[in-house]
Amino acid sequence: MAYNDKQFALNQVVTGTSATSRSIVFTASNGTVRMHQVTCKNSGASAITVHFYIKADSTTSGSLTSIGSVQVGAGSTEIISFLLAHVLSQGQTLQAHESGGTDATLTVSGSETR
């Protein structure tokens, strides 16, 4: 089984603002993905909360239950530790929404198997 280290999202802006209005961060399109590093940067002047979701497909319709959330202080970057080593099967998506509008950017790297 081949493993490819890869960056799945680089400074991906989170535009979703609710559990029913989420942004797709990335899709595991070529195989199984194991996330090794996930960071969230808040470029805004106030703290924000970012909520994360895993969905079986690449649609953003319907309500989902968050798998976790993190607060990010103004102008700071946080490592999203609860997503480290998390596995997405082919076709699944990592989705997110945030409380502050479009202040959050996400970077995700890991490995992909085919």
C-alpha atoms as a PDB file:
ATOM      1  CA  MET A   1       0.000   0.000   0.000  1.00  0.00           C
ATOM      2  CA  ALA A   2       1.463   3.356  -1.052  1.00  0.00           C
ATOM      3  CA  TYR A   3       1.485   6.344   1.293  1.00  0.00           C
ATOM      4  CA  ASN A   4       1.763   9.887  -0.023  1.00  0.00           C
ATOM      5  CA  ASP A   5       2.420  12.804   2.324  1.00  0.00           C
ATOM      6  CA  LYS A   6       0.256  15.644   1.168  1.00  0.00           C
ATOM      7  CA  GLN A   7      -1.157  19.048   2.025  1.00  0.00           C
ATOM      8  CA  PHE A   8      -4.940  18.823   1.696  1.00  0.00           C
ATOM      9  CA  ALA A   9      -5.809  22.438   2.496  1.00  0.00           C
ATOM     10  CA  LEU A  10      -3.559  25.501   2.605  1.00  0.00           C
ATOM     11  CA  ASN A  11      -4.982  28.662   4.170  1.00  0.00           C
ATOM     12  CA  GLN A  12      -8.523  27.518   3.323  1.00  0.00           C
ATOM     13  CA  VAL A  13     -10.909  30.322   4.347  1.00  0.00           C
ATOM     14  CA  VAL A  14     -13.889  29.126   6.381  1.00  0.00           C
ATOM     15  CA  THR A  15     -16.958  30.923   5.037  1.00  0.00           C
ATOM     16  CA  GLY A  16     -19.642  28.788   6.689  1.00  0.00           C
ATOM     17  CA  THR A  17     -21.423  30.455   9.590  1.00  0.00           C
ATOM     18  CA  SER A  18     -23.678  27.720  11.039  1.00  0.00           C
ATOM     19  CA  ALA A  19     -24.184  23.947  11.275  1.00  0.00           C
ATOM     20  CA  THR A  20     -26.398  24.152   8.195  1.00  0.00           C
ATOM     21  CA  SER A  21     -24.080  26.551   6.326  1.00  0.00           C
ATOM     22  CA  ARG A  22     -20.685  24.814   6.396  1.00  0.00           C
ATOM     23  CA  SER A  23     -17.537  25.188   4.289  1.00  0.00           C
ATOM     24  CA  ILE A  24     -15.862  22.153   2.758  1.00  0.00           C
ATOM     25  CA  VAL A  25     -12.240  22.194   3.884  1.00  0.00           C
ATOM     26  CA  PHE A  26     -11.221  19.228   1.724  1.00  0.00           C
ATOM     27  CA  THR A  27     -12.464  15.941   0.263  1.00  0.00           C
ATOM     28  CA  ALA A  28     -10.605  12.639   0.542  1.00  0.00           C
ATOM     29  CA  SER A  29     -10.878  12.140  -3.198  1.00  0.00           C
ATOM     30  CA  ASN A  30      -8.053   9.706  -4.027  1.00  0.00           C
ATOM     31  CA  GLY A  31      -8.053   7.287  -1.089  1.00  0.00           C
ATOM     32  CA  THR A  32      -8.002   7.104   2.688  1.00  0.00           C
ATOM     33  CA  VAL A  33      -6.609  10.198   4.440  1.00  0.00           C
ATOM     34  CA  ARG A  34      -4.951  10.350   7.865  1.00  0.00           C
ATOM     35  CA  MET A  35      -4.583  13.890   9.172  1.00  0.00           C
ATOM     36  CA  HIS A  36      -1.193  14.618  10.798  1.00  0.00           C
ATOM     37  CA  GLN A  37      -1.410  18.382  11.312  1.00  0.00           C
ATOM     38  CA  VAL A  38      -4.412  20.699  11.380  1.00  0.00           C
ATOM     39  CA  THR A  39      -4.054  24.382  12.254  1.00  0.00           C
ATOM     40  CA  CYS A  40      -6.521  27.236  12.437  1.00  0.00           C
ATOM     41  CA  LYS A  41      -5.454  30.873  12.174  1.00  0.00           C
ATOM     42  CA  ASN A  42      -7.730  33.694  13.300  1.00  0.00           C
ATOM     43  CA  SER A  43      -6.955  36.895  11.390  1.00  0.00           C
ATOM     44  CA  GLY A  44      -9.724  38.837  13.155  1.00  0.00           C
ATOM     45  CA  ALA A  45      -9.676  41.251  16.072  1.00  0.00           C
ATOM     46  CA  SER A  46     -11.879  39.052  18.319  1.00  0.00           C
ATOM     47  CA  ALA A  47     -11.887  35.435  19.450  1.00  0.00           C
ATOM     48  CA  ILE A  48     -13.832  32.955  17.306  1.00  0.00           C
ATOM     49  CA  THR A  49     -15.139  29.418  17.698  1.00  0.00           C
ATOM     50  CA  VAL A  50     -14.633  26.988  14.822  1.00  0.00           C
ATOM     51  CA  HIS A  51     -16.777  23.831  14.611  1.00  0.00           C
ATOM     52  CA  PHE A  52     -15.707  20.746  12.626  1.00  0.00           C
ATOM     53  CA  TYR A  53     -17.750  18.059  10.862  1.00  0.00           C
ATOM     54  CA  ILE A  54     -17.100  14.876   8.883  1.00  0.00           C
ATOM     55  CA  LYS A  55     -19.596  14.107   6.117  1.00  0.00           C
ATOM     56  CA  ALA A  56     -19.827  11.045   3.887  1.00  0.00           C
ATOM     57  CA  ASP A  57     -20.072  13.134   0.717  1.00  0.00           C
ATOM     58  CA  SER A  58     -19.167  16.547  -0.662  1.00  0.00           C
ATOM     59  CA  THR A  59     -22.499  18.263  -0.102  1.00  0.00           C
ATOM     60  CA  THR A  60     -23.102  20.854   2.597  1.00  0.00           C
ATOM     61  CA  SER A  61     -26.865  20.381   2.834  1.00  0.00           C
ATOM     62  CA  GLY A  62     -28.545  19.240   6.011  1.00  0.00           C
ATOM     63  CA  SER A  63     -27.658  19.609   9.655  1.00  0.00           C
ATOM     64  CA  LEU A  64     -24.758  17.652  11.139  1.00  0.00           C
ATOM     65  CA  THR A  65     -23.490  17.119  14.658  1.00  0.00           C
ATOM     66  CA  SER A  66     -20.097  18.715  15.239  1.00  0.00           C
ATOM     67  CA  ILE A  67     -17.236  16.312  16.010  1.00  0.00           C
ATOM     68  CA  GLY A  68     -15.556  19.070  18.006  1.00  0.00           C
ATOM     69  CA  SER A  69     -14.846  22.761  18.208  1.00  0.00           C
ATOM     70  CA  VAL A  70     -11.999  25.039  19.192  1.00  0.00           C
ATOM     71  CA  GLN A  71     -11.746  28.649  20.322  1.00  0.00           C
ATOM     72  CA  VAL A  72      -9.039  30.692  18.605  1.00  0.00           C
ATOM     73  CA  GLY A  73      -7.963  33.994  20.092  1.00  0.00           C
ATOM     74  CA  ALA A  74      -7.683  37.185  18.053  1.00  0.00           C
ATOM     75  CA  GLY A  75      -4.635  37.116  15.789  1.00  0.00           C
ATOM     76  CA  SER A  76      -3.512  33.673  16.947  1.00  0.00           C
ATOM     77  CA  THR A  77      -3.087  30.175  15.524  1.00  0.00           C
ATOM     78  CA  GLU A  78      -4.181  26.937  17.214  1.00  0.00           C
ATOM     79  CA  ILE A  79      -3.349  23.304  16.517  1.00  0.00           C
ATOM     80  CA  ILE A  80      -6.581  21.310  16.279  1.00  0.00           C
ATOM     81  CA  SER A  81      -5.386  18.330  18.315  1.00  0.00           C
ATOM     82  CA  PHE A  82      -8.628  16.327  18.303  1.00  0.00           C
ATOM     83  CA  LEU A  83      -8.300  15.917  14.506  1.00  0.00           C
ATOM     84  CA  LEU A  84      -4.732  14.596  14.609  1.00  0.00           C
ATOM     85  CA  ALA A  85      -4.573  10.991  13.356  1.00  0.00           C
ATOM     86  CA  HIS A  86      -8.260  11.192  12.376  1.00  0.00           C
ATOM     87  CA  VAL A  87      -8.999   9.095   9.266  1.00  0.00           C
ATOM     88  CA  LEU A  88     -11.322   9.984   6.400  1.00  0.00           C
ATOM     89  CA  SER A  89     -12.397   7.302   3.949  1.00  0.00           C
ATOM     90  CA  GLN A  90     -12.407   8.032   0.242  1.00  0.00           C
ATOM     91  CA  GLY A  91     -15.250  10.432  -0.595  1.00  0.00           C
ATOM     92  CA  GLN A  92     -15.649  11.827   2.926  1.00  0.00           C
ATOM     93  CA  THR A  93     -15.213  15.552   3.571  1.00  0.00           C
ATOM     94  CA  LEU A  94     -13.905  17.660   6.427  1.00  0.00           C
ATOM     95  CA  GLN A  95     -16.281  20.601   6.854  1.00  0.00           C
ATOM     96  CA  ALA A  96     -16.260  23.594   9.203  1.00  0.00           C
ATOM     97  CA  HIS A  97     -18.084  26.754  10.200  1.00  0.00           C
ATOM     98  CA  GLU A  98     -17.038  29.629  12.410  1.00  0.00           C
ATOM     99  CA  SER A  99     -18.641  32.235  14.596  1.00  0.00           C
ATOM    100  CA  GLY A 100     -16.810  35.303  13.296  1.00  0.00           C
ATOM    101  CA  GLY A 101     -17.610  35.393   9.591  1.00  0.00           C
ATOM    102  CA  THR A 102     -14.499  34.765   7.475  1.00  0.00           C
ATOM    103  CA  ASP A 103     -11.661  35.259   9.952  1.00  0.00           C
ATOM    104  CA  ALA A 104     -10.559  31.592  10.137  1.00  0.00           C
ATOM    105  CA  THR A 105      -8.141  29.908   7.734  1.00  0.00           C
ATOM    106  CA  LEU A 106      -7.340  26.196   7.998  1.00  0.00           C
ATOM    107  CA  THR A 107      -4.274  24.252   6.920  1.00  0.00           C
ATOM    108  CA  VAL A 108      -4.434  20.449   6.849  1.00  0.00           C
ATOM    109  CA  SER A 109      -1.652  18.003   6.012  1.00  0.00           C
ATOM    110  CA  GLY A 110      -1.344  14.267   6.340  1.00  0.00           C
ATOM    111  CA  SER A 111      -0.938  11.084   4.372  1.00  0.00           C
ATOM    112  CA  GLU A 112      -3.080   9.464   1.727  1.00  0.00           C
ATOM    113  CA  THR A 113      -3.254   5.760   0.847  1.00  0.00           C
ATOM    114  CA  ARG A 114      -4.501   4.335  -2.387  1.00  0.00           C
END
